[in-house]
Protein backbone atom coordinates (compact mmCIF):
# COMPACT_ATOMS: atom_id res chain seq x y z
CA MET A 1 125.65 60.18 102.98
CA TRP A 2 125.08 63.52 101.56
CA GLN A 3 121.24 62.93 101.40
CA LYS A 4 121.05 62.21 104.79
CA LEU A 5 122.96 65.42 105.81
CA ILE A 6 120.58 67.48 103.84
CA ASP A 7 117.80 65.85 105.13
CA GLY A 8 118.67 66.52 108.82
CA MET A 9 119.62 70.02 107.72
CA LEU A 10 116.41 70.78 106.01
CA SER A 11 114.32 69.31 109.06
CA ARG A 12 116.07 71.87 111.52
CA PHE A 13 116.06 74.62 108.73
CA VAL A 14 112.30 74.74 107.60
CA ARG A 15 109.98 76.04 110.48
CA GLU A 16 107.47 78.09 108.21
CA GLY A 17 105.89 77.13 105.10
CA GLU A 18 106.51 73.60 103.20
CA LEU A 19 109.66 72.39 101.08
CA GLY A 20 109.21 69.67 99.00
CA ILE A 21 112.54 67.70 97.70
CA ASP A 22 112.82 65.11 95.03
CA TYR A 23 116.18 63.32 95.55
CA PRO A 24 118.38 61.68 93.09
CA ASP A 25 117.49 58.08 94.21
CA GLY A 26 113.76 58.80 93.55
CA THR A 27 112.65 59.60 97.06
CA HIS A 28 110.48 62.74 97.90
CA ARG A 29 110.63 64.33 101.21
CA ARG A 30 108.49 67.19 102.67
CA TYR A 31 109.91 69.71 105.43
CA GLY A 32 107.96 72.20 107.29
CA PRO A 33 104.55 72.48 108.89
CA GLY A 34 102.93 72.94 105.75
CA ASP A 35 101.38 76.56 106.44
CA GLY A 36 101.81 79.66 103.79
CA LEU A 37 104.19 79.32 101.16
CA ALA A 38 105.29 75.89 99.36
CA ALA A 39 107.85 75.22 97.02
CA ARG A 40 109.02 71.92 95.32
CA VAL A 41 112.25 71.06 93.75
CA ALA A 42 114.18 68.23 92.30
CA ILE A 43 117.93 67.84 92.81
CA ALA A 44 119.57 65.71 90.01
CA ASP A 45 122.62 64.03 91.37
CA GLU A 46 124.81 63.34 94.32
CA ALA A 47 127.36 65.84 93.25
CA THR A 48 124.96 68.76 93.58
CA LEU A 49 123.76 67.20 97.08
CA LYS A 50 127.57 67.20 97.95
CA ALA A 51 127.76 70.82 96.76
CA ILE A 52 124.80 71.99 98.64
CA CYS A 53 126.18 70.52 102.12
CA LEU A 54 129.51 71.86 101.63
CA ASP A 55 128.53 75.60 100.75
CA PRO A 56 124.68 75.86 100.86
CA GLU A 57 124.47 79.27 99.01
CA MET A 58 126.92 78.40 95.96
CA GLY A 59 125.90 74.70 95.65
CA LEU A 60 122.28 76.19 95.31
CA GLY A 61 122.95 79.07 92.92
CA GLU A 62 125.25 76.72 90.70
CA GLY A 63 123.11 73.93 90.72
CA TYR A 64 120.07 76.14 89.54
CA MET A 65 122.43 77.64 86.76
CA ASP A 66 123.36 74.45 85.62
CA GLY A 67 120.14 72.71 85.40
CA ARG A 68 120.94 70.24 88.09
CA ILE A 69 118.21 71.76 90.50
CA THR A 70 114.90 72.46 88.96
CA VAL A 71 112.00 74.24 90.64
CA GLU A 72 108.35 72.97 90.23
CA GLY A 73 106.22 74.88 87.80
CA ASP A 74 109.25 77.89 87.61
CA ARG A 75 108.33 79.12 90.67
CA LEU A 76 111.75 80.32 91.81
CA HIS A 77 110.41 83.37 93.49
CA GLU A 78 108.41 81.41 95.88
CA PHE A 79 111.12 79.20 96.56
CA MET A 80 113.63 81.82 97.26
CA THR A 81 111.07 83.51 99.43
CA LEU A 82 110.43 80.37 101.48
CA LEU A 83 114.26 80.03 101.95
CA LEU A 84 114.77 83.64 102.94
CA ARG A 85 111.69 83.37 105.40
CA ASN A 86 113.33 80.35 106.92
CA ARG A 87 117.18 81.47 107.25
CA ARG A 88 118.65 81.22 110.48
CA ARG A 89 122.39 80.70 110.97
CA ASP A 90 121.69 77.81 113.56
CA GLY A 91 119.74 75.74 110.65
CA LEU A 92 123.05 75.37 108.88
CA PRO A 93 125.50 72.54 109.67
CA ARG A 94 128.57 73.32 111.68
CA TRP A 95 130.91 73.20 108.58
CA ALA A 96 128.82 75.69 106.57
CA ARG A 97 128.81 77.87 109.77
CA ALA A 98 132.60 77.89 110.42
CA ALA A 99 133.10 78.50 106.46
CA ASP A 100 130.83 81.58 107.15
CA GLY A 101 132.86 82.72 110.08
CA ALA A 102 136.05 82.45 107.97
CA ARG A 103 134.74 84.56 105.20
CA PHE A 104 133.50 86.96 107.56
CA ALA A 105 137.04 87.18 108.98
CA LEU A 106 138.52 87.79 105.51
CA ARG A 107 136.21 90.37 104.33
CA ASP A 108 138.87 93.03 104.04
CA TRP A 109 140.99 90.86 101.87
CA ILE A 110 137.78 90.02 99.77
CA GLN A 111 136.78 93.70 99.39
CA ARG A 112 140.28 95.05 98.93
CA ASN A 113 139.18 96.82 95.84
CA THR A 114 142.40 98.57 94.66
CA PRO A 115 142.06 100.58 91.51
CA ASN A 116 142.90 98.02 89.07
CA LYS A 117 140.73 95.25 90.70
CA ALA A 118 137.83 97.78 90.85
CA ARG A 119 138.15 98.43 87.39
CA ALA A 120 138.17 94.60 86.32
CA ASN A 121 134.93 94.04 88.79
CA VAL A 122 133.17 96.72 86.74
CA ALA A 123 134.04 95.23 83.61
CA HIS A 124 132.87 91.82 84.71
CA HIS A 125 129.40 93.05 85.52
CA TYR A 126 128.83 96.56 83.30
CA ASP A 127 130.68 95.58 80.08
CA ILE A 128 128.98 92.53 78.81
CA SER A 129 126.38 94.34 76.74
CA ASN A 130 124.79 97.49 76.36
CA ASP A 131 122.02 95.86 74.28
CA PHE A 132 121.38 93.32 76.80
CA TYR A 133 120.73 96.15 79.77
CA ARG A 134 118.20 97.91 77.17
CA LEU A 135 115.99 94.80 77.04
CA PHE A 136 115.09 95.01 80.88
CA LEU A 137 115.99 98.66 82.12
CA ASP A 138 113.63 101.95 81.56
CA SER A 139 114.17 104.02 78.60
CA ASP A 140 116.83 106.15 80.71
CA MET A 141 118.87 102.82 81.52
CA GLN A 142 118.70 103.78 85.37
CA TYR A 143 120.21 100.59 86.64
CA SER A 144 119.30 101.43 90.41
CA CYS A 145 116.33 101.45 92.71
CA ALA A 146 113.35 103.36 91.26
CA TYR A 147 111.02 105.45 93.43
CA PHE A 148 107.69 104.55 93.60
CA ALA A 149 106.05 107.63 95.09
CA ARG A 150 102.35 106.87 94.27
CA GLU A 151 100.50 103.68 93.32
CA GLY A 152 100.22 102.88 89.44
CA MET A 153 103.76 104.14 88.58
CA THR A 154 105.23 102.81 85.42
CA LEU A 155 109.03 101.99 85.87
CA GLU A 156 109.74 104.92 83.73
CA GLU A 157 107.95 107.29 85.87
CA ALA A 158 109.42 105.91 88.98
CA GLN A 159 113.00 106.31 87.88
CA ALA A 160 112.23 109.92 86.66
CA ALA A 161 110.63 110.64 90.25
CA LYS A 162 114.13 109.13 91.76
CA LYS A 163 116.18 111.31 89.97
CA ALA A 164 114.02 114.20 90.68
CA HIS A 165 113.92 113.45 94.50
CA ILE A 166 117.73 113.07 94.22
CA ALA A 167 118.26 116.44 92.41
CA ALA A 168 115.92 118.20 94.89
CA LYS A 169 117.88 117.16 97.74
CA LEU A 170 121.38 118.48 96.22
CA LEU A 171 119.69 121.99 95.96
CA ILE A 172 121.12 122.51 92.64
CA GLU A 173 121.27 125.72 91.22
CA PRO A 174 122.22 126.80 87.64
CA ASP A 175 125.67 126.48 86.54
CA MET A 176 126.97 124.77 89.99
CA HIS A 177 129.57 122.17 89.17
CA VAL A 178 128.30 118.86 90.11
CA LEU A 179 130.29 115.54 90.21
CA ASP A 180 128.46 112.20 89.48
CA ILE A 181 130.40 109.25 91.09
CA GLY A 182 129.58 106.08 89.19
CA CYS A 183 127.57 107.74 86.19
CA GLY A 184 126.39 104.78 84.57
CA TRP A 185 125.13 105.52 81.06
CA GLY A 186 124.47 109.28 82.03
CA GLY A 187 121.24 109.53 82.64
CA MET A 188 121.37 111.18 86.12
CA ALA A 189 123.89 113.58 84.54
CA ILE A 190 121.84 114.55 81.66
CA THR A 191 118.99 115.29 83.95
CA MET A 192 121.18 117.49 86.14
CA ALA A 193 122.37 119.34 83.37
CA ARG A 194 119.13 119.77 80.90
CA ASP A 195 116.55 120.25 84.05
CA TRP A 196 118.64 122.12 86.53
CA GLY A 197 121.20 123.81 84.56
CA ALA A 198 124.07 122.30 86.25
CA ARG A 199 127.69 121.62 84.82
CA VAL A 200 128.42 117.89 85.38
CA THR A 201 131.35 115.95 85.39
CA GLY A 202 130.69 112.05 85.56
CA VAL A 203 133.13 109.23 86.30
CA THR A 204 132.72 105.61 85.54
CA LEU A 205 134.93 102.48 85.29
CA SER A 206 133.03 100.92 82.59
CA GLN A 207 134.08 101.45 78.91
CA ASN A 208 130.79 100.33 77.62
CA GLN A 209 128.79 102.96 79.70
CA LEU A 210 131.39 105.73 79.03
CA GLU A 211 131.00 105.04 75.38
CA LEU A 212 127.33 104.94 75.35
CA GLY A 213 126.96 107.70 78.01
CA ARG A 214 128.90 110.25 75.88
CA ALA A 215 126.90 109.36 72.69
CA ARG A 216 123.55 110.06 74.80
CA VAL A 217 125.00 113.32 76.00
CA ALA A 218 125.93 114.49 72.52
CA ALA A 219 122.56 113.38 71.10
CA ALA A 220 120.92 115.52 73.87
CA GLY A 221 122.94 118.57 72.79
CA LEU A 222 124.76 118.74 76.04
CA SER A 223 128.17 117.95 75.32
CA ASP A 224 129.32 121.62 76.61
CA ARG A 225 127.74 121.02 80.14
CA ILE A 226 128.62 117.17 80.43
CA ASP A 227 132.20 115.76 80.72
CA LEU A 228 132.16 111.99 81.39
CA ARG A 229 135.43 110.07 82.12
CA LEU A 230 136.80 106.76 82.63
CA GLN A 231 138.15 107.83 85.89
CA ASP A 232 138.45 106.33 89.62
CA TYR A 233 137.13 108.60 91.93
CA ARG A 234 140.03 108.35 94.13
CA THR A 235 142.09 110.22 91.57
CA LEU A 236 139.64 113.12 91.11
CA ASP A 237 140.65 116.64 92.19
CA GLY A 238 137.92 119.33 92.93
CA PRO A 239 136.35 121.39 94.21
CA PHE A 240 132.51 120.34 93.21
CA ASP A 241 129.62 122.36 94.47
CA ARG A 242 127.43 119.08 94.38
CA ILE A 243 128.65 115.35 94.48
CA VAL A 244 126.03 112.62 93.73
CA SER A 245 126.55 109.06 93.65
CA VAL A 246 123.78 106.63 92.84
CA GLY A 247 124.21 102.81 92.97
CA MET A 248 127.68 102.87 93.23
CA PHE A 249 128.61 102.68 96.85
CA GLU A 250 127.86 99.08 96.88
CA HIS A 251 131.06 98.52 94.92
CA VAL A 252 133.53 100.42 97.47
CA GLY A 253 133.96 97.82 99.96
CA VAL A 254 134.26 98.08 103.69
CA PRO A 255 138.03 98.55 103.79
CA GLN A 256 137.61 101.66 101.58
CA TYR A 257 134.81 103.53 103.38
CA ASP A 258 137.23 106.01 105.20
CA ALA A 259 138.85 106.74 101.85
CA TYR A 260 135.60 107.39 100.23
CA PHE A 261 133.79 109.56 102.64
CA GLY A 262 137.16 111.52 103.13
CA GLN A 263 137.51 112.03 99.32
CA VAL A 264 133.93 113.39 99.23
CA GLU A 265 134.64 115.78 102.05
CA ARG A 266 137.85 116.95 100.39
CA LEU A 267 136.33 117.49 96.56
CA LEU A 268 133.23 119.42 98.08
CA THR A 269 133.45 123.57 98.18
CA PRO A 270 132.76 124.86 101.70
CA GLU A 271 129.12 125.40 100.92
CA GLY A 272 128.91 121.88 99.22
CA VAL A 273 126.16 119.37 99.50
CA ALA A 274 126.55 115.51 98.44
CA LEU A 275 123.74 112.62 98.26
CA ILE A 276 125.09 108.99 98.42
CA HIS A 277 122.00 106.71 97.24
CA THR A 278 122.94 103.08 98.24
CA ILE A 279 121.64 99.63 99.06
CA GLY A 280 122.06 99.27 102.82
CA ARG A 281 120.82 97.12 105.68
CA VAL A 282 119.16 98.26 108.95
CA ASP A 283 120.29 95.01 110.68
CA GLY A 284 123.92 94.03 111.75
CA PRO A 285 126.97 93.56 109.27
CA ILE A 286 127.10 90.14 107.11
CA ASN A 287 129.32 88.30 104.78
CA PRO A 288 129.25 89.43 100.86
CA SER A 289 127.19 86.90 99.21
CA GLY A 290 129.69 84.31 97.69
CA TRP A 291 127.31 83.61 94.92
CA LEU A 292 126.98 87.11 93.69
CA GLY A 293 130.47 87.68 94.25
CA LYS A 294 131.43 85.17 92.04
CA TYR A 295 129.00 85.69 89.24
CA ILE A 296 127.49 88.86 89.35
CA PHE A 297 129.17 91.70 91.36
CA PRO A 298 132.87 90.68 92.15
CA GLY A 299 133.75 92.79 95.06
CA GLY A 300 130.18 94.00 95.89
CA TYR A 301 129.04 94.41 99.34
CA VAL A 302 125.84 95.85 100.99
CA PRO A 303 126.44 97.90 104.20
CA SER A 304 124.79 98.00 107.24
CA VAL A 305 124.13 101.44 108.77
CA SER A 306 126.33 100.85 111.53
CA GLU A 307 129.46 100.07 109.28
CA VAL A 308 128.74 103.52 107.58
CA ALA A 309 128.30 105.64 110.85
CA ALA A 310 131.82 105.07 112.09
CA PRO A 311 133.73 106.59 108.83
CA ILE A 312 131.16 109.41 108.39
CA GLU A 313 132.05 110.44 112.11
CA LYS A 314 135.71 110.77 111.06
CA THR A 315 135.06 113.30 108.43
CA GLY A 316 133.98 116.86 109.21
CA MET A 317 130.70 117.05 107.25
CA TRP A 318 127.19 117.01 108.75
CA LEU A 319 124.57 114.18 108.12
CA THR A 320 121.96 116.36 107.27
CA ASP A 321 119.47 113.75 106.03
CA LEU A 322 119.07 110.00 106.35
CA GLU A 323 116.37 108.56 104.39
CA ILE A 324 115.56 104.62 104.28
CA TRP A 325 113.40 103.44 101.34
CA ARG A 326 111.65 100.33 102.17
CA HIS A 327 110.27 97.89 99.28
CA HIS A 328 111.12 100.52 96.54
CA TYR A 329 114.06 97.94 95.26
CA ALA A 330 111.83 94.79 95.40
CA ARG A 331 109.16 96.66 93.03
CA THR A 332 112.19 97.74 91.05
CA LEU A 333 113.81 94.25 90.47
CA GLU A 334 110.08 92.73 89.77
CA GLU A 335 109.62 95.19 86.82
CA TRP A 336 113.14 94.18 85.56
CA ARG A 337 112.56 90.58 85.81
CA MET A 338 109.24 90.79 84.10
CA ARG A 339 110.97 92.51 81.33
CA PHE A 340 113.57 90.31 81.30
CA GLU A 341 111.35 87.14 80.93
CA ASP A 342 109.08 88.78 78.48
CA ARG A 343 112.18 89.44 76.08
CA LEU A 344 113.89 85.79 76.45
CA ASP A 345 113.97 85.48 72.93
CA ALA A 346 116.25 88.35 72.66
CA VAL A 347 118.17 87.35 75.39
CA ARG A 348 118.62 83.67 73.93
CA ALA A 349 119.98 85.30 70.46
CA MET A 350 122.74 86.74 72.81
CA TYR A 351 123.52 84.26 75.59
CA ASP A 352 123.13 80.60 76.47
CA ASP A 353 120.85 78.93 78.74
CA ARG A 354 123.30 78.67 81.70
CA PHE A 355 123.50 82.73 81.49
CA ILE A 356 119.81 83.16 81.34
CA ARG A 357 119.11 80.84 84.46
CA MET A 358 122.11 82.83 86.30
CA TRP A 359 120.37 86.22 85.41
CA ARG A 360 117.05 84.95 86.59
CA TYR A 361 118.43 83.58 89.64
CA TYR A 362 120.02 86.84 90.30
CA LEU A 363 116.99 89.02 89.85
CA VAL A 364 114.82 86.64 91.89
CA ALA A 365 116.89 86.34 94.73
CA CYS A 366 117.58 90.19 95.18
CA GLN A 367 113.92 90.76 94.93
CA ALA A 368 112.97 88.38 97.66
CA THR A 369 115.81 89.74 99.84
CA PHE A 370 114.34 92.95 99.54
CA GLU A 371 111.04 91.58 100.39
CA VAL A 372 112.02 89.61 103.33
CA THR A 373 114.90 90.63 104.97
CA ARG A 374 115.90 94.26 106.69
CA GLN A 375 117.49 95.43 103.45
CA GLY A 376 116.37 98.88 101.78
CA VAL A 377 118.25 102.04 100.16
CA LEU A 378 119.73 104.17 102.05
CA GLN A 379 120.01 108.00 100.85
CA MET A 380 122.30 109.91 102.78
CA GLN A 381 122.88 113.74 102.54
CA PHE A 382 125.83 115.66 103.47
CA ALA A 383 126.95 119.08 103.83
CA ARG A 384 130.04 121.06 104.99
CA ASP A 385 128.32 123.54 106.45
CA ALA A 386 125.21 122.58 108.39
CA GLN A 387 123.40 125.82 107.45
CA THR A 388 123.64 125.13 103.63
CA VAL A 389 120.49 122.73 103.73
CA PRO A 390 117.25 124.01 105.02
CA LEU A 391 116.34 122.91 108.61
CA THR A 392 113.14 121.23 107.61
CA ARG A 393 112.42 118.83 104.76
CA ASP A 394 109.71 120.85 103.25
CA TYR A 395 111.74 122.03 100.21
CA ILE A 396 111.89 118.51 98.56
CA ALA A 397 108.59 117.96 97.14
CA PRO A 398 108.14 121.58 95.34
CA ALA A 399 111.43 120.99 94.04
CA GLU A 400 110.56 117.63 92.72
CA GLU A 401 107.35 118.98 91.17
CA ARG A 402 109.20 121.58 89.25
CA ALA A 403 111.81 119.08 88.19
CA LEU A 404 109.27 116.72 86.54
CA ILE A 405 107.56 119.37 84.97
CA ALA A 406 110.54 120.60 83.44
CA ALA A 407 111.64 117.21 82.31
CA GLN A 408 108.07 116.82 80.43
């Protein structure tokens, strides 16, 4: 029964490339016209077929994690790219489309992200092990999209370029007080204090990040300039001359967007400037990923431009610049994935094979998503007073160059 259902589903679904399936009963089927990408997978048992039919995304992800779905030649990236290029809602069975619609209707409940829930969500992902993240991140432990401003850049160079680009847009002057919402392991705070002369308050909900961040600040001799705290952004008091948030907005959730942008406005001085750097979509709103929400980022969500527009309009701030980075995150994820694979022996010393397959699936699926779909990175610059920010973007490049020279 389940094999027949999947056979019919894939016959409608694959319209580009070729997908081969080795079924549990020993039969092999090919789907698609055979042009372009090709991938072949083996499904071990009927239970996995059933799981894919009932919830294709969850069944596929869990099947791979558990080793019940294997990809020929370990070509997981090609397989995920093939699926995403053929992804169409009308290719799914009716019950899967109904479940998708139900999840969309429950988005506000799924993304309710109260302070206690937000803390638990962050701990699930970020408090596993600092040593694990060191294995695949750059030397500054930047866990967000790098900025490949020119060909041939290393990951370290691209992450430094990202920080310089953001700081330049913030128009930081010496002794300005900067708030870093979601400060991670402290890299952006250290950059702003060391290279720009800012005083920085950084907040995170990760105990692991806080402890390592504070140690890094002390080692840099910047404890008098940087104050890192375990604190929810909603409980902060201002004012701040500048506010920056890099890779945190994806954890806020749609129901909190009004509160988030309202808090940014309240915390800024009248001449204040804010820069929000987040994954975003230039397509319509979608469901949160069920598999990513369960295993990787509980409560996480990638907003569309339309979903952030209305909450911004409710504030008194100017949206003074909106920049959209295309494919930079795909390259970043490819770098992380290569480092992860190169250091598998070290990962295996920490975690089991199921964890390794889970992280591989996460990194590959996200890379392919940035390569194939209309998903990128949004950099939104805000100002309380429109005259605070220059009327053209000519100021950014010279400031970037000065910052990169100062960091050497």
